Protein backbone atom coordinates (compact mmCIF):
# COMPACT_ATOMS: atom_id res chain seq x y z
CA MET A 1 -7.67 -23.20 2.31
CA LEU A 2 -9.71 -20.12 2.98
CA ASN A 3 -11.90 -21.63 5.67
CA LYS A 4 -9.41 -21.42 8.53
CA GLN A 5 -9.37 -18.21 10.50
CA VAL A 6 -7.59 -16.64 13.43
CA ILE A 7 -9.82 -14.49 15.62
CA PHE A 8 -8.71 -12.04 18.26
CA GLY A 9 -10.56 -11.49 21.50
CA GLU A 10 -11.32 -8.23 23.21
CA ASN A 11 -7.78 -8.01 24.52
CA GLU A 12 -5.38 -7.39 21.61
CA GLN A 13 -3.04 -10.09 22.88
CA ASP A 14 -5.77 -12.75 23.28
CA GLU A 15 -5.50 -15.14 20.38
CA VAL A 16 -8.53 -17.29 20.01
CA VAL A 17 -8.52 -20.42 18.09
CA ASN A 18 -7.97 -22.52 15.25
CA VAL A 19 -4.27 -21.99 14.67
CA GLN A 20 -2.73 -25.40 14.19
CA PRO A 21 0.82 -25.14 12.83
CA SER A 22 0.68 -28.63 11.36
CA LYS A 23 -2.21 -27.47 9.19
CA ALA A 24 -0.67 -24.23 8.01
CA ALA A 25 -1.06 -23.78 4.27
CA GLU A 26 1.80 -23.63 1.80
CA THR A 27 -0.33 -21.47 -0.51
CA LEU A 28 -3.39 -19.32 0.18
CA PHE A 29 -5.71 -18.13 -2.57
CA VAL A 30 -7.26 -14.91 -1.30
CA ASN A 31 -10.35 -13.26 -2.79
CA GLU A 32 -12.07 -11.88 0.31
CA PHE A 33 -12.02 -8.26 1.41
CA THR A 34 -12.37 -6.13 4.51
CA ASP A 35 -15.07 -3.49 4.94
CA GLY A 36 -12.32 -0.87 4.86
CA ILE A 37 -11.25 -1.26 8.50
CA LEU A 38 -8.00 -2.88 9.61
CA SER A 39 -8.04 -4.08 13.20
CA PRO A 40 -6.18 -6.46 15.53
CA HIS A 41 -9.61 -7.94 16.25
CA THR A 42 -10.36 -8.76 12.60
CA ALA A 43 -10.64 -12.43 11.67
CA MET A 44 -7.61 -13.48 9.65
CA LEU A 45 -7.24 -16.00 6.87
CA GLY A 46 -4.74 -18.80 7.31
CA PRO A 47 -2.52 -19.76 8.95
CA LEU A 48 0.11 -19.60 6.22
CA LYS A 49 3.44 -21.33 6.58
CA ASP A 50 6.56 -19.25 7.11
CA GLY A 51 7.90 -19.10 3.55
CA GLY A 52 4.48 -19.68 2.04
CA THR A 53 2.76 -17.97 -0.88
CA ILE A 54 -0.26 -15.70 -1.09
CA ILE A 55 -2.07 -15.45 -4.42
CA ALA A 56 -4.61 -12.64 -4.24
CA ASN A 57 -7.23 -11.34 -6.65
CA THR A 58 -7.22 -7.70 -5.58
CA ALA A 59 -9.99 -5.14 -6.01
CA PRO A 60 -9.41 -1.57 -7.24
CA GLY A 61 -8.62 0.98 -4.55
CA CYS A 62 -9.48 4.64 -4.16
CA TRP A 63 -12.36 5.75 -6.39
CA GLY A 64 -14.53 2.62 -6.34
CA PRO A 65 -14.54 2.30 -2.54
CA MET A 66 -14.76 6.10 -2.18
CA ILE A 67 -18.14 6.14 -3.95
CA THR A 68 -19.43 3.08 -2.04
CA PRO A 69 -20.58 4.34 1.40
CA GLU A 70 -20.77 0.90 3.02
CA ILE A 71 -16.97 0.59 2.63
CA ARG A 72 -15.65 2.50 5.60
CA GLY A 73 -11.97 3.03 4.93
CA GLY A 74 -11.50 4.50 1.47
CA HIS A 75 -10.08 1.27 0.03
CA GLU A 76 -11.11 -2.36 -0.29
CA VAL A 77 -8.09 -4.48 0.65
CA THR A 78 -7.82 -8.22 1.13
CA LYS A 79 -8.58 -9.81 4.47
CA PRO A 80 -5.35 -10.14 6.45
CA VAL A 81 -3.39 -13.39 6.49
CA TYR A 82 -1.94 -14.96 9.65
CA VAL A 83 1.67 -16.02 9.08
CA GLU A 84 2.88 -18.92 11.19
CA GLY A 85 5.57 -17.93 13.68
CA ALA A 86 5.17 -14.16 13.31
CA GLU A 87 5.14 -12.56 16.75
CA VAL A 88 4.93 -8.95 17.86
CA GLY A 89 8.43 -7.48 17.54
CA ASP A 90 9.32 -9.59 14.50
CA ALA A 91 9.24 -8.54 10.85
CA ILE A 92 7.74 -10.14 7.75
CA VAL A 93 9.59 -10.16 4.43
CA ILE A 94 7.22 -9.92 1.45
CA GLN A 95 8.63 -10.72 -1.96
CA ILE A 96 6.44 -9.53 -4.85
CA LYS A 97 6.75 -12.43 -7.26
CA SER A 98 4.28 -11.18 -9.87
CA ILE A 99 1.64 -8.52 -10.56
CA GLN A 100 -0.92 -8.88 -13.36
CA VAL A 101 -3.54 -6.28 -14.28
CA THR A 102 -6.88 -7.88 -15.11
CA SER A 103 -8.99 -4.76 -15.70
CA ILE A 104 -9.67 -3.80 -19.31
CA ALA A 105 -10.40 -0.18 -18.38
CA THR A 106 -10.64 2.18 -15.42
CA SER A 107 -11.46 5.78 -14.57
CA SER A 108 -9.80 8.28 -12.27
CA GLY A 109 -9.31 11.97 -11.64
CA THR A 110 -9.07 14.70 -9.04
CA ASP A 111 -11.67 14.89 -6.28
CA GLU A 112 -13.64 17.28 -4.12
CA ALA A 113 -15.35 16.16 -0.89
CA LEU A 114 -19.02 17.19 -0.57
CA THR A 115 -19.39 18.50 2.97
CA ASP A 116 -23.08 17.63 3.45
CA ARG A 117 -22.40 13.93 2.86
CA PHE A 118 -20.08 12.93 5.70
CA ILE A 119 -19.24 13.53 9.34
CA GLY A 120 -15.62 14.49 9.91
CA ASP A 121 -14.11 12.32 7.17
CA PRO A 122 -15.57 11.45 3.73
CA PHE A 123 -13.59 8.20 3.61
CA VAL A 124 -14.86 6.98 6.96
CA LYS A 125 -18.24 8.36 8.03
CA VAL A 126 -20.55 8.82 5.02
CA LYS A 127 -24.04 10.23 5.54
CA CYS A 128 -26.86 10.25 3.01
CA PRO A 129 -27.80 13.90 2.39
CA GLY A 130 -31.41 12.83 1.87
CA CYS A 131 -32.49 10.47 4.67
CA GLY A 132 -29.45 11.03 6.91
CA LYS A 133 -28.51 7.34 7.18
CA LEU A 134 -24.88 6.59 8.04
CA HIS A 135 -23.04 4.23 5.70
CA PRO A 136 -26.19 3.76 3.60
CA GLN A 137 -26.66 0.90 1.19
CA THR A 138 -26.50 2.29 -2.33
CA ILE A 139 -27.33 1.16 -5.86
CA ILE A 140 -26.26 2.27 -9.32
CA LYS A 141 -28.91 3.96 -11.47
CA GLY A 142 -27.73 4.77 -14.95
CA ILE A 143 -24.29 6.29 -15.52
CA GLY A 144 -22.60 9.59 -14.75
CA LEU A 145 -21.57 11.51 -11.64
CA GLU A 146 -24.98 11.14 -9.95
CA ALA A 147 -25.41 7.40 -10.55
CA VAL A 148 -24.72 6.28 -6.93
CA ARG A 149 -28.12 6.44 -5.20
CA CYS A 150 -29.27 5.73 -1.63
CA SER A 151 -31.28 2.50 -1.54
CA THR A 152 -33.70 4.06 0.96
CA CYS A 153 -34.46 7.53 -0.44
CA ASP A 154 -32.93 7.47 -3.95
CA THR A 155 -30.70 10.52 -3.24
CA ASP A 156 -27.32 10.97 -4.92
CA THR A 157 -25.09 9.86 -2.04
CA SER A 158 -21.47 9.70 -3.15
CA PRO A 159 -19.36 11.82 -0.75
CA PHE A 160 -16.93 12.78 -3.52
CA LYS A 161 -17.24 14.73 -6.74
CA MET A 162 -14.80 14.02 -9.58
CA THR A 163 -13.61 17.49 -10.62
CA HIS A 164 -11.50 16.48 -13.62
CA GLY A 165 -11.49 12.90 -14.77
CA TYR A 166 -10.71 10.44 -17.51
CA THR A 167 -11.45 6.91 -18.63
CA MET A 168 -8.51 4.79 -19.74
CA THR A 169 -8.35 1.44 -21.49
CA PHE A 170 -5.38 -0.92 -21.74
CA ASN A 171 -3.96 -3.14 -24.44
CA PRO A 172 -4.20 -6.89 -23.68
CA ARG A 173 -0.45 -7.30 -23.08
CA GLY A 174 -0.44 -4.59 -20.41
CA GLU A 175 1.97 -2.17 -22.04
CA ILE A 176 0.01 1.00 -22.86
CA GLY A 177 -3.03 2.82 -21.53
CA LEU A 178 -5.04 5.29 -23.61
CA THR A 179 -7.71 7.74 -22.45
CA VAL A 180 -10.91 7.58 -24.50
CA GLY A 181 -13.68 9.97 -25.49
CA ARG A 182 -17.28 10.47 -24.40
CA GLU A 183 -18.91 7.70 -26.43
CA ALA A 184 -16.32 5.05 -25.50
CA SER A 185 -16.49 6.12 -21.83
CA ARG A 186 -20.27 5.68 -21.87
CA ARG A 187 -19.96 2.25 -23.53
CA ILE A 188 -17.51 1.16 -20.83
CA ALA A 189 -19.76 2.59 -18.07
CA LEU A 190 -22.74 0.57 -19.28
CA ASP A 191 -20.72 -2.66 -18.81
CA ALA A 192 -18.74 -1.44 -15.79
CA LYS A 193 -18.03 -4.64 -13.85
CA ASN A 194 -16.94 -6.48 -16.96
CA PHE A 195 -14.49 -3.77 -18.02
CA MET A 196 -13.03 -3.37 -14.53
CA ARG A 197 -13.09 -7.11 -13.78
CA THR A 198 -13.93 -6.45 -10.14
CA PRO A 199 -13.57 -9.67 -8.08
CA GLU A 200 -16.78 -11.52 -7.27
CA ASN A 201 -16.56 -10.76 -3.54
CA SER A 202 -15.91 -7.06 -4.03
CA VAL A 203 -18.83 -4.79 -3.07
CA GLN A 204 -17.51 -1.53 -4.53
CA HIS A 205 -19.25 0.38 -7.31
CA PRO A 206 -16.99 0.39 -10.41
CA VAL A 207 -15.75 3.94 -10.91
CA VAL A 208 -16.07 3.69 -14.70
CA THR A 209 -19.80 4.14 -14.01
CA TYR A 210 -19.01 7.86 -13.81
CA ALA A 211 -17.91 7.84 -17.49
CA PRO A 212 -15.52 10.83 -17.18
CA SER A 213 -13.81 12.01 -20.38
CA ASP A 214 -12.00 15.27 -19.68
CA LEU A 215 -8.73 13.84 -21.10
CA ILE A 216 -8.90 12.23 -24.54
CA GLY A 217 -6.12 10.54 -26.51
CA VAL A 218 -3.51 10.61 -23.74
CA MET A 219 -1.03 7.70 -23.87
CA ALA A 220 0.61 6.34 -20.73
CA ARG A 221 3.11 3.54 -20.16
CA MET A 222 1.91 0.81 -17.84
CA ARG A 223 4.05 -0.30 -14.90
CA PRO A 224 1.68 -1.81 -12.33
CA PHE A 225 2.34 -1.75 -8.61
CA VAL A 226 0.36 -2.09 -5.38
CA GLY A 227 -0.46 1.01 -3.34
CA GLN A 228 -1.41 -1.05 -0.27
CA LEU A 229 0.90 -3.79 0.98
CA GLY A 230 1.77 -4.47 4.57
CA THR A 231 0.74 -5.76 7.96
CA THR A 232 -2.17 -5.05 10.28
CA PRO A 233 -1.91 -2.07 12.67
CA SER A 234 -2.20 -2.72 16.40
CA LYS A 235 -5.24 -0.45 16.77
CA ALA A 236 -8.30 -0.33 14.53
CA MET A 237 -8.09 2.25 11.75
CA PRO A 238 -9.43 2.78 8.23
CA ASP A 239 -7.18 1.08 5.68
CA SER A 240 -6.39 4.20 3.64
CA HIS A 241 -5.40 5.96 6.89
CA ASN A 242 -2.73 3.41 7.81
CA ALA A 243 0.02 5.95 7.09
CA GLY A 244 1.37 9.07 8.72
CA ASP A 245 -0.13 11.50 6.20
CA PHE A 246 -3.68 10.16 5.69
CA GLY A 247 -3.65 9.10 9.33
CA THR A 248 -3.52 12.70 10.55
CA ALA A 249 -7.24 12.90 9.69
CA LEU A 250 -7.83 10.50 12.62
CA ILE A 251 -6.28 12.82 15.21
CA GLY A 252 -9.18 14.11 17.30
CA ALA A 253 -11.67 12.90 14.68
CA PRO A 254 -15.43 12.96 15.52
CA HIS A 255 -15.90 9.22 15.02
CA GLU A 256 -14.98 5.92 16.66
CA PHE A 257 -11.55 5.69 15.00
CA THR A 258 -10.21 8.85 16.61
CA LEU A 259 -6.55 8.71 17.66
CA THR A 260 -3.95 10.90 19.26
CA GLN A 261 -0.71 11.62 17.40
CA ASP A 262 1.15 9.29 19.77
CA GLU A 263 -1.36 6.49 19.13
CA LEU A 264 -1.04 6.94 15.37
CA ASP A 265 2.76 6.79 15.60
CA ILE A 266 2.69 3.65 17.76
CA HIS A 267 0.00 1.61 16.03
CA ARG A 268 0.25 2.34 12.30
CA THR A 269 2.28 0.05 10.02
CA ASP A 270 2.33 2.33 6.93
CA GLY A 271 0.80 -0.29 4.66
CA HIS A 272 -0.71 2.48 2.50
CA MET A 273 2.38 3.76 0.70
CA ASP A 274 1.50 4.41 -2.97
CA ILE A 275 5.21 4.06 -3.79
CA ASN A 276 5.45 3.10 -7.46
CA ARG A 277 8.58 1.01 -6.84
CA VAL A 278 6.49 -1.50 -4.84
CA ARG A 279 6.13 -3.60 -7.95
CA GLU A 280 7.03 -7.02 -9.31
CA GLY A 281 10.52 -8.00 -8.16
CA ALA A 282 10.61 -5.67 -5.16
CA VAL A 283 10.74 -6.74 -1.51
CA ILE A 284 9.04 -5.10 1.47
CA ILE A 285 10.12 -5.82 5.05
CA CYS A 286 7.16 -4.99 7.31
CA PRO A 287 6.76 -4.60 11.07
CA VAL A 288 4.71 -7.17 13.01
CA LYS A 289 2.45 -5.36 15.47
CA VAL A 290 -0.19 -8.07 15.97
CA PRO A 291 0.26 -11.84 16.36
CA GLY A 292 0.53 -13.45 12.91
CA GLY A 293 1.32 -10.15 11.23
CA GLY A 294 -1.91 -9.91 9.26
CA VAL A 295 -0.53 -9.44 5.73
CA TYR A 296 -2.90 -7.66 3.35
CA VAL A 297 -2.69 -6.21 -0.16
CA GLY A 298 -4.74 -4.05 -2.54
CA ASP A 299 -5.03 -0.75 -4.37
CA MET A 300 -3.25 -1.92 -7.53
CA HIS A 301 -2.41 0.85 -9.99
CA ALA A 302 -1.64 0.55 -13.68
CA MET A 303 0.88 3.42 -13.55
CA GLN A 304 1.88 6.41 -11.45
CA GLY A 305 4.57 9.05 -11.38
CA ASP A 306 6.34 9.85 -8.11
CA GLY A 307 4.05 11.76 -5.78
CA GLU A 308 0.63 10.70 -7.15
CA ILE A 309 0.08 14.43 -7.37
CA ALA A 310 -3.54 14.21 -8.62
CA GLY A 311 -4.42 12.37 -5.41
CA HIS A 312 -5.51 9.34 -7.45
CA THR A 313 -4.25 7.24 -10.32
CA THR A 314 -5.43 4.33 -12.46
CA ASP A 315 -6.99 1.86 -10.01
CA VAL A 316 -7.31 -1.65 -11.41
CA SER A 317 -8.19 -5.20 -10.47
CA GLY A 318 -5.37 -7.69 -10.63
CA ILE A 319 -3.64 -10.87 -9.50
CA VAL A 320 -0.72 -10.56 -7.07
CA GLN A 321 1.61 -13.36 -5.98
CA LEU A 322 3.55 -12.79 -2.77
CA GLN A 323 6.02 -14.97 -0.88
CA VAL A 324 6.26 -14.21 2.82
CA SER A 325 8.78 -15.18 5.47
CA VAL A 326 9.40 -14.21 9.09
CA LEU A 327 12.45 -12.36 10.41
CA LYS A 328 12.68 -13.01 14.12
CA LYS A 329 13.45 -10.21 16.56
CA VAL A 330 13.58 -7.44 13.95
CA ASN A 331 11.52 -4.74 15.62
CA LEU A 332 10.61 -2.18 12.96
CA GLU A 333 8.46 0.93 13.29
CA GLY A 334 7.67 1.04 9.57
CA PRO A 335 8.43 -0.68 6.27
CA ILE A 336 11.75 -1.11 4.51
CA LEU A 337 11.72 -1.25 0.70
CA LEU A 338 14.24 -3.20 -1.35
CA SER A 339 13.57 -1.91 -4.86
CA ASN A 340 14.48 -3.51 -8.15
CA ILE A 341 18.00 -2.41 -9.09
CA GLU A 342 16.73 -0.42 -12.07
CA ASP A 343 14.42 1.55 -9.74
CA LEU A 344 17.20 2.62 -7.37
CA PRO A 345 18.61 6.15 -7.46
CA TYR A 346 21.83 6.35 -9.51
CA THR A 347 23.87 7.00 -6.37
CA ALA A 348 22.45 3.93 -4.61
CA LYS A 349 22.88 1.29 -7.31
CA PRO A 350 25.24 -1.59 -6.38
CA PHE A 351 28.82 -0.87 -7.37
CA THR A 352 30.34 -2.65 -10.36
CA LYS A 353 33.60 -4.60 -10.22
CA GLU A 354 35.32 -1.77 -12.09
CA GLU A 355 34.06 0.85 -9.65
CA LYS A 356 35.27 -1.25 -6.74
CA ARG A 357 38.71 -1.58 -8.41
CA ILE A 358 38.94 2.20 -8.74
CA ALA A 359 38.02 2.60 -5.07
CA ARG A 360 40.74 0.13 -4.06
CA ASP A 361 43.27 2.14 -6.02
CA LEU A 362 42.19 5.32 -4.21
CA ALA A 363 42.34 3.54 -0.88
CA GLU A 364 45.89 2.40 -1.54
CA GLU A 365 46.97 5.87 -2.63
CA TYR A 366 45.47 7.64 0.38
CA GLY A 367 46.06 5.07 3.09
CA VAL A 368 42.47 3.90 3.63
CA LYS A 369 42.76 0.47 5.22
CA GLN A 370 39.27 -0.83 4.53
CA ILE A 371 36.46 -0.02 2.09
CA GLU A 372 32.93 -0.64 3.28
CA ASP A 373 31.00 -3.56 1.78
CA VAL A 374 27.60 -1.91 1.25
CA PHE A 375 24.08 -2.62 0.00
CA PRO A 376 21.20 -0.22 -0.83
CA VAL A 377 18.24 0.00 1.56
CA SER A 378 15.19 2.31 1.40
CA PHE A 379 13.49 3.31 4.64
CA VAL A 380 9.86 4.35 4.29
CA GLY A 381 8.80 7.42 6.24
CA THR A 382 5.36 9.02 6.53
CA GLY A 383 4.04 12.19 8.12
CA GLY A 384 1.64 15.08 7.83
CA ASN A 385 3.83 16.70 5.16
CA LEU A 386 6.91 15.77 3.15
CA ASN A 387 9.33 17.35 5.64
CA LEU A 388 7.85 15.34 8.51
CA ALA A 389 7.85 12.20 6.38
CA THR A 390 11.54 12.72 5.59
CA ASP A 391 12.34 13.22 9.27
CA ASN A 392 10.43 10.01 10.03
CA ALA A 393 12.37 8.00 7.43
CA LEU A 394 15.73 9.31 8.65
CA ALA A 395 14.85 8.63 12.28
CA ARG A 396 13.74 5.07 11.48
CA ALA A 397 17.00 4.40 9.63
CA ALA A 398 19.07 5.86 12.46
CA LYS A 399 17.26 3.82 15.10
CA LEU A 400 17.52 0.48 13.30
CA LEU A 401 21.14 0.96 12.24
CA GLU A 402 22.19 2.56 15.56
CA LEU A 403 23.59 5.63 13.82
CA SER A 404 23.07 9.31 14.41
CA VAL A 405 20.54 11.08 12.21
CA GLU A 406 23.38 13.31 11.03
CA GLU A 407 25.32 10.32 9.73
CA VAL A 408 22.23 8.93 8.01
CA LYS A 409 21.72 12.31 6.31
CA ASN A 410 25.30 12.32 5.01
CA ARG A 411 25.07 8.74 3.77
CA ALA A 412 21.71 9.38 2.06
CA THR A 413 23.10 12.51 0.41
CA ILE A 414 26.16 10.93 -1.21
CA THR A 415 25.08 7.27 -1.57
CA GLY A 416 21.31 7.53 -1.95
CA SER A 417 18.39 9.89 -2.23
CA ILE A 418 15.13 11.10 -0.74
CA GLU A 419 12.25 10.19 -3.08
CA ILE A 420 8.57 11.05 -2.87
CA GLY A 421 6.14 8.16 -2.77
CA ARG A 422 2.91 10.09 -2.26
CA HIS A 423 2.21 13.75 -1.78
CA PRO A 424 1.54 15.00 0.87
CA GLY A 425 3.61 12.76 3.14
CA VAL A 426 5.23 9.46 2.05
CA VAL A 427 8.94 9.26 1.19
CA THR A 428 11.80 6.81 1.07
CA ALA A 429 15.25 7.58 2.42
CA THR A 430 17.64 5.39 0.42
CA LEU A 431 21.28 4.91 1.37
CA GLN A 432 24.08 2.42 0.94
CA VAL A 433 24.37 0.57 4.27
CA PRO A 434 27.48 -1.33 5.43
CA LYS A 435 27.12 -5.09 5.64
CA THR A 436 28.20 -5.03 9.29
CA LEU A 437 25.26 -2.79 10.23
CA LEU A 438 22.78 -4.88 8.23
CA LYS A 439 23.95 -8.00 10.05
CA LYS A 440 23.64 -6.30 13.42
CA ALA A 441 20.10 -5.19 12.51
CA ARG A 442 19.27 -8.77 11.42
CA ILE A 443 18.15 -7.79 7.92
CA PHE A 444 21.25 -8.76 5.95
CA LYS A 445 19.89 -12.00 4.46
CA PRO A 446 16.93 -10.51 2.55
CA VAL A 447 19.05 -7.53 1.46
CA LYS A 448 21.85 -9.78 0.20
CA ARG A 449 19.35 -12.00 -1.62
CA GLN A 450 17.93 -8.93 -3.41
CA TYR A 451 21.18 -7.22 -4.38
CA ASP A 452 24.13 -9.62 -4.28
CA CYS A 453 24.66 -9.77 -8.04
């Protein structure tokens, strides 16, 4: 199933090849990865039937790719999948059917970029400080913070320093993580690939090689989710920068992926969200900005509090099962999240029969002729800071629902919430939306399926 590909020509709208609807797959098993760049010209896997299933063995995000200079985007996400019938101006509904962590251990921590080891952006343009090669091939020698060495000159080449880090291991049932001490961290580092279970086609260096142990004996509850899930942007960009906050590093950048603010706003799809509610049972509705959509996934985390305030969390390998379907003529600028009910803000949870009865009594007493039939919807917004991200989420909601921003603000205040996905600039604006508006926006069916209980 993995041998069919869709290839784009030099013109973004030129589809070349090999897309035969009668041969679209019902299920795709995906274990191939990009080099860190998402592009409308990238070869896609598939085609996948509308309504089909993707089963992906994902590689860890963040730290592993960050210390592997040949990966050019900061993450290592799956190759995009072409979905049959998805055209520019449509949307793709992605149901997260299951998420399973396969790593036995991982490492993470806060970072500091080393300025002599990159040009403009340490995620994108790494330079060996010894021989000066760009995107040098590297090997692992020993363990510790200087273990990533240039294959040509043997210089420590990682563009990032871990300033405070930890190594965490997980119980087999995936319930609890525990940070371990120096000796256990070293034991894990010496068998890094086995403990992290990195997929066979992944090229990243396992971050447990660093063997950090600044936190010892810290327990954490596991609730895995995917930090990267979405569709391919309509202009080439590094995968970790496919969002309005990380993407600001591309504005006027001194490398080939430089963008203007307008270009970033037009082309990004905000697949890099790091929203911890993007977990098993949730639904994401994503914009289609290239033919076939180009669905990709990666950057699984074992747990994370709102904001990912350390900049990184527990990156793990895992198995993700997604079901995808096309929504025709739903032209979105960014993703919509339909969380699990238990993950919704208190004010946005679906109303009970008793609550509806009380509202009917109030309506009768005060002469209200009709009570809205509503459902919760979360609009993802991203920007250079949290205020800009909030403005972006509110504007996206207002545009799709054909409301004023002022009305969206009032609805979000009394029937929803603004929640931080990632600091510095990813939020969701959640509000209860009338059924009539959802129908007009053509998104009622997936919303009803998620919440009509």
